[in-house]
Amino acid sequence: MLELRPGCECCDCDLPPETDQAMICSFECTFCQSCATQKLKGLCPNCGGDLVRRPVRPARYLAEAPPSSQRFLNPQGVRQPKR
């Protein structure tokens, strides 16, 4: 199940579970659409994978499968993806 991280790792803007502006890689590194397309050119700076639109979790499932509250922020560098 996707973590649905709460913010962009690059600019720290909020990315709530219902947004269509969140982009992720296969390791779930999460970025806003603006950073993903303009700054990162569609590639994850952490793993080099493609950034694609994160699916929206329907609101009826948020209580039983809540989004993550852990924020990652590293605008100056890259971090190792969780394995």
N, C-alpha and C. Protein backbone atom coordinates (compact mmCIF):
# COMPACT_ATOMS: atom_id res chain seq x y z
N MET A 1 0.84 -1.17 0.00
CA MET A 1 0.00 0.00 0.00
C MET A 1 0.89 1.24 0.00
N LEU A 2 0.53 2.23 -0.78
CA LEU A 2 1.30 3.46 -0.84
C LEU A 2 1.24 4.22 0.48
N GLU A 3 2.35 4.84 0.83
CA GLU A 3 2.42 5.62 2.07
C GLU A 3 1.63 6.92 1.98
N LEU A 4 1.51 7.49 0.81
CA LEU A 4 0.90 8.81 0.61
C LEU A 4 1.59 9.84 1.50
N ARG A 5 2.85 10.07 1.21
CA ARG A 5 3.64 11.04 1.99
C ARG A 5 3.02 12.43 1.89
N PRO A 6 3.13 13.22 2.96
CA PRO A 6 2.37 14.46 3.06
C PRO A 6 2.95 15.70 2.37
N GLY A 7 4.18 15.61 1.85
CA GLY A 7 4.77 16.82 1.27
C GLY A 7 5.83 16.54 0.23
N CYS A 8 6.15 17.57 -0.52
CA CYS A 8 7.18 17.50 -1.55
C CYS A 8 8.55 17.46 -0.89
N GLU A 9 9.39 16.52 -1.32
CA GLU A 9 10.74 16.40 -0.76
C GLU A 9 11.64 17.56 -1.18
N CYS A 10 11.26 18.27 -2.20
CA CYS A 10 12.09 19.35 -2.73
C CYS A 10 11.71 20.71 -2.13
N CYS A 11 10.43 21.07 -2.16
CA CYS A 11 10.00 22.40 -1.70
C CYS A 11 9.15 22.36 -0.44
N ASP A 12 8.80 21.18 0.04
CA ASP A 12 8.02 20.97 1.25
C ASP A 12 6.58 21.47 1.18
N CYS A 13 6.04 21.67 -0.02
CA CYS A 13 4.62 22.05 -0.10
C CYS A 13 3.77 20.85 0.31
N ASP A 14 2.60 21.12 0.82
CA ASP A 14 1.69 20.07 1.27
C ASP A 14 1.12 19.31 0.07
N LEU A 15 1.04 17.99 0.22
CA LEU A 15 0.44 17.13 -0.80
C LEU A 15 -0.55 16.19 -0.11
N PRO A 16 -1.77 16.69 0.15
CA PRO A 16 -2.76 15.87 0.85
C PRO A 16 -3.16 14.66 0.00
N PRO A 17 -3.76 13.65 0.63
CA PRO A 17 -4.08 12.42 -0.09
C PRO A 17 -5.00 12.60 -1.30
N GLU A 18 -5.80 13.66 -1.30
CA GLU A 18 -6.75 13.86 -2.40
C GLU A 18 -6.18 14.67 -3.57
N THR A 19 -4.94 15.14 -3.45
CA THR A 19 -4.38 15.98 -4.52
C THR A 19 -4.04 15.18 -5.77
N ASP A 20 -4.17 15.84 -6.90
CA ASP A 20 -3.72 15.24 -8.15
C ASP A 20 -2.38 15.83 -8.58
N GLN A 21 -1.72 16.54 -7.66
CA GLN A 21 -0.46 17.23 -7.95
C GLN A 21 0.77 16.50 -7.41
N ALA A 22 0.60 15.30 -6.84
CA ALA A 22 1.73 14.55 -6.26
C ALA A 22 2.31 13.60 -7.30
N MET A 23 3.62 13.55 -7.36
CA MET A 23 4.35 12.67 -8.27
C MET A 23 5.27 11.78 -7.43
N ILE A 24 5.38 10.50 -7.81
CA ILE A 24 6.20 9.56 -7.05
C ILE A 24 7.05 8.72 -7.99
N CYS A 25 8.12 8.14 -7.41
CA CYS A 25 8.92 7.14 -8.12
C CYS A 25 8.55 5.77 -7.57
N SER A 26 9.22 4.73 -8.01
CA SER A 26 8.87 3.37 -7.55
C SER A 26 9.22 3.15 -6.08
N PHE A 27 10.07 4.01 -5.48
CA PHE A 27 10.38 3.92 -4.05
C PHE A 27 9.50 4.85 -3.23
N GLU A 28 8.55 5.51 -3.86
CA GLU A 28 7.61 6.44 -3.24
C GLU A 28 8.23 7.77 -2.82
N CYS A 29 9.40 8.09 -3.35
CA CYS A 29 9.91 9.45 -3.15
C CYS A 29 8.82 10.35 -3.74
N THR A 30 8.49 11.43 -3.06
CA THR A 30 7.31 12.21 -3.41
C THR A 30 7.66 13.66 -3.68
N PHE A 31 7.13 14.18 -4.77
CA PHE A 31 7.40 15.56 -5.18
C PHE A 31 6.12 16.18 -5.72
N CYS A 32 6.04 17.50 -5.64
CA CYS A 32 4.90 18.18 -6.25
C CYS A 32 5.11 18.18 -7.77
N GLN A 33 4.03 18.37 -8.49
CA GLN A 33 4.10 18.35 -9.94
C GLN A 33 5.05 19.43 -10.48
N SER A 34 5.06 20.58 -9.85
CA SER A 34 5.92 21.67 -10.30
C SER A 34 7.40 21.30 -10.18
N CYS A 35 7.83 20.81 -9.01
CA CYS A 35 9.23 20.42 -8.83
C CYS A 35 9.57 19.24 -9.74
N ALA A 36 8.66 18.27 -9.83
CA ALA A 36 8.92 17.07 -10.63
C ALA A 36 9.15 17.40 -12.10
N THR A 37 8.38 18.32 -12.63
CA THR A 37 8.50 18.62 -14.05
C THR A 37 9.53 19.70 -14.35
N GLN A 38 9.57 20.76 -13.54
CA GLN A 38 10.45 21.88 -13.84
C GLN A 38 11.87 21.68 -13.32
N LYS A 39 12.01 21.34 -12.05
CA LYS A 39 13.34 21.20 -11.46
C LYS A 39 13.97 19.84 -11.74
N LEU A 40 13.17 18.79 -11.67
CA LEU A 40 13.71 17.43 -11.73
C LEU A 40 13.58 16.79 -13.10
N LYS A 41 12.88 17.45 -14.01
CA LYS A 41 12.73 16.97 -15.40
C LYS A 41 12.18 15.55 -15.48
N GLY A 42 11.29 15.20 -14.52
CA GLY A 42 10.61 13.91 -14.56
C GLY A 42 11.39 12.73 -14.02
N LEU A 43 12.56 12.99 -13.44
CA LEU A 43 13.38 11.91 -12.88
C LEU A 43 13.61 12.12 -11.39
N CYS A 44 13.51 11.04 -10.63
CA CYS A 44 13.74 11.11 -9.19
C CYS A 44 15.22 11.38 -8.92
N PRO A 45 15.54 12.38 -8.10
CA PRO A 45 16.95 12.67 -7.81
C PRO A 45 17.58 11.64 -6.89
N ASN A 46 16.76 10.82 -6.24
CA ASN A 46 17.26 9.82 -5.31
C ASN A 46 17.64 8.51 -5.98
N CYS A 47 16.78 8.05 -6.90
CA CYS A 47 17.04 6.74 -7.52
C CYS A 47 17.20 6.81 -9.04
N GLY A 48 16.83 7.94 -9.64
CA GLY A 48 16.93 8.08 -11.09
C GLY A 48 15.73 7.53 -11.84
N GLY A 49 14.72 7.03 -11.10
CA GLY A 49 13.53 6.48 -11.74
C GLY A 49 12.57 7.55 -12.22
N ASP A 50 11.62 7.12 -13.03
CA ASP A 50 10.59 8.03 -13.54
C ASP A 50 9.70 8.51 -12.41
N LEU A 51 9.26 9.75 -12.52
CA LEU A 51 8.26 10.30 -11.60
C LEU A 51 6.92 10.27 -12.33
N VAL A 52 5.94 9.63 -11.69
CA VAL A 52 4.61 9.50 -12.27
C VAL A 52 3.58 10.01 -11.27
N ARG A 53 2.38 10.29 -11.76
CA ARG A 53 1.32 10.82 -10.90
C ARG A 53 0.95 9.78 -9.83
N ARG A 54 0.90 10.24 -8.59
CA ARG A 54 0.49 9.38 -7.48
C ARG A 54 -1.02 9.19 -7.53
N PRO A 55 -1.51 7.97 -7.41
CA PRO A 55 -2.96 7.79 -7.39
C PRO A 55 -3.59 8.40 -6.15
N VAL A 56 -4.84 8.77 -6.27
CA VAL A 56 -5.60 9.34 -5.16
C VAL A 56 -6.28 8.18 -4.43
N ARG A 57 -6.12 8.14 -3.10
CA ARG A 57 -6.83 7.13 -2.31
C ARG A 57 -8.24 7.68 -2.01
N PRO A 58 -9.28 6.93 -2.35
CA PRO A 58 -10.64 7.40 -2.08
C PRO A 58 -10.83 7.72 -0.59
N ALA A 59 -11.54 8.79 -0.32
CA ALA A 59 -11.73 9.27 1.05
C ALA A 59 -12.32 8.21 1.97
N ARG A 60 -13.14 7.34 1.44
CA ARG A 60 -13.77 6.31 2.29
C ARG A 60 -12.77 5.32 2.87
N TYR A 61 -11.55 5.28 2.33
CA TYR A 61 -10.53 4.35 2.82
C TYR A 61 -9.48 5.03 3.73
N LEU A 62 -9.54 6.33 3.87
CA LEU A 62 -8.51 7.04 4.64
C LEU A 62 -8.51 6.70 6.12
N ALA A 63 -9.64 6.38 6.69
CA ALA A 63 -9.69 6.03 8.12
C ALA A 63 -9.00 4.71 8.39
N GLU A 64 -9.22 3.73 7.54
CA GLU A 64 -8.61 2.41 7.75
C GLU A 64 -7.20 2.32 7.16
N ALA A 65 -6.88 3.18 6.23
CA ALA A 65 -5.55 3.19 5.60
C ALA A 65 -5.08 4.65 5.51
N PRO A 66 -4.72 5.25 6.66
CA PRO A 66 -4.37 6.67 6.69
C PRO A 66 -3.06 6.96 5.96
N PRO A 67 -2.92 8.19 5.47
CA PRO A 67 -1.66 8.59 4.83
C PRO A 67 -0.55 8.72 5.86
N SER A 68 0.67 8.71 5.39
CA SER A 68 1.83 8.89 6.27
C SER A 68 1.86 10.33 6.78
N SER A 69 2.45 10.51 7.95
CA SER A 69 2.66 11.87 8.47
C SER A 69 4.14 12.23 8.45
N GLN A 70 4.99 11.29 8.05
CA GLN A 70 6.43 11.54 8.01
C GLN A 70 6.81 12.32 6.77
N ARG A 71 7.46 13.46 7.00
CA ARG A 71 7.90 14.31 5.90
C ARG A 71 9.38 14.09 5.64
N PHE A 72 9.75 14.12 4.37
CA PHE A 72 11.14 14.05 3.95
C PHE A 72 11.42 15.37 3.24
N LEU A 73 12.53 15.99 3.57
CA LEU A 73 12.90 17.25 2.90
C LEU A 73 14.40 17.27 2.73
N ASN A 74 14.83 17.44 1.51
CA ASN A 74 16.25 17.51 1.20
C ASN A 74 16.41 18.27 -0.11
N PRO A 75 16.17 19.58 -0.10
CA PRO A 75 16.21 20.35 -1.34
C PRO A 75 17.61 20.47 -1.94
N GLN A 76 18.67 20.21 -1.17
CA GLN A 76 20.03 20.40 -1.67
C GLN A 76 20.68 19.11 -2.17
N GLY A 77 20.13 17.98 -1.87
CA GLY A 77 20.80 16.74 -2.24
C GLY A 77 19.83 15.60 -2.44
N VAL A 78 20.37 14.43 -2.36
CA VAL A 78 19.55 13.23 -2.53
C VAL A 78 19.70 12.34 -1.30
N ARG A 79 18.71 11.53 -1.09
CA ARG A 79 18.77 10.56 -0.01
C ARG A 79 18.64 9.19 -0.62
N GLN A 80 19.05 8.19 0.09
CA GLN A 80 18.93 6.83 -0.39
C GLN A 80 17.48 6.36 -0.21
N PRO A 81 16.88 5.78 -1.25
CA PRO A 81 15.52 5.27 -1.10
C PRO A 81 15.48 4.10 -0.12
N LYS A 82 14.33 3.95 0.55
CA LYS A 82 14.15 2.81 1.44
C LYS A 82 14.13 1.54 0.60
N ARG A 83 14.72 0.51 1.12
CA ARG A 83 14.70 -0.78 0.40
C ARG A 83 14.08 -1.82 1.24
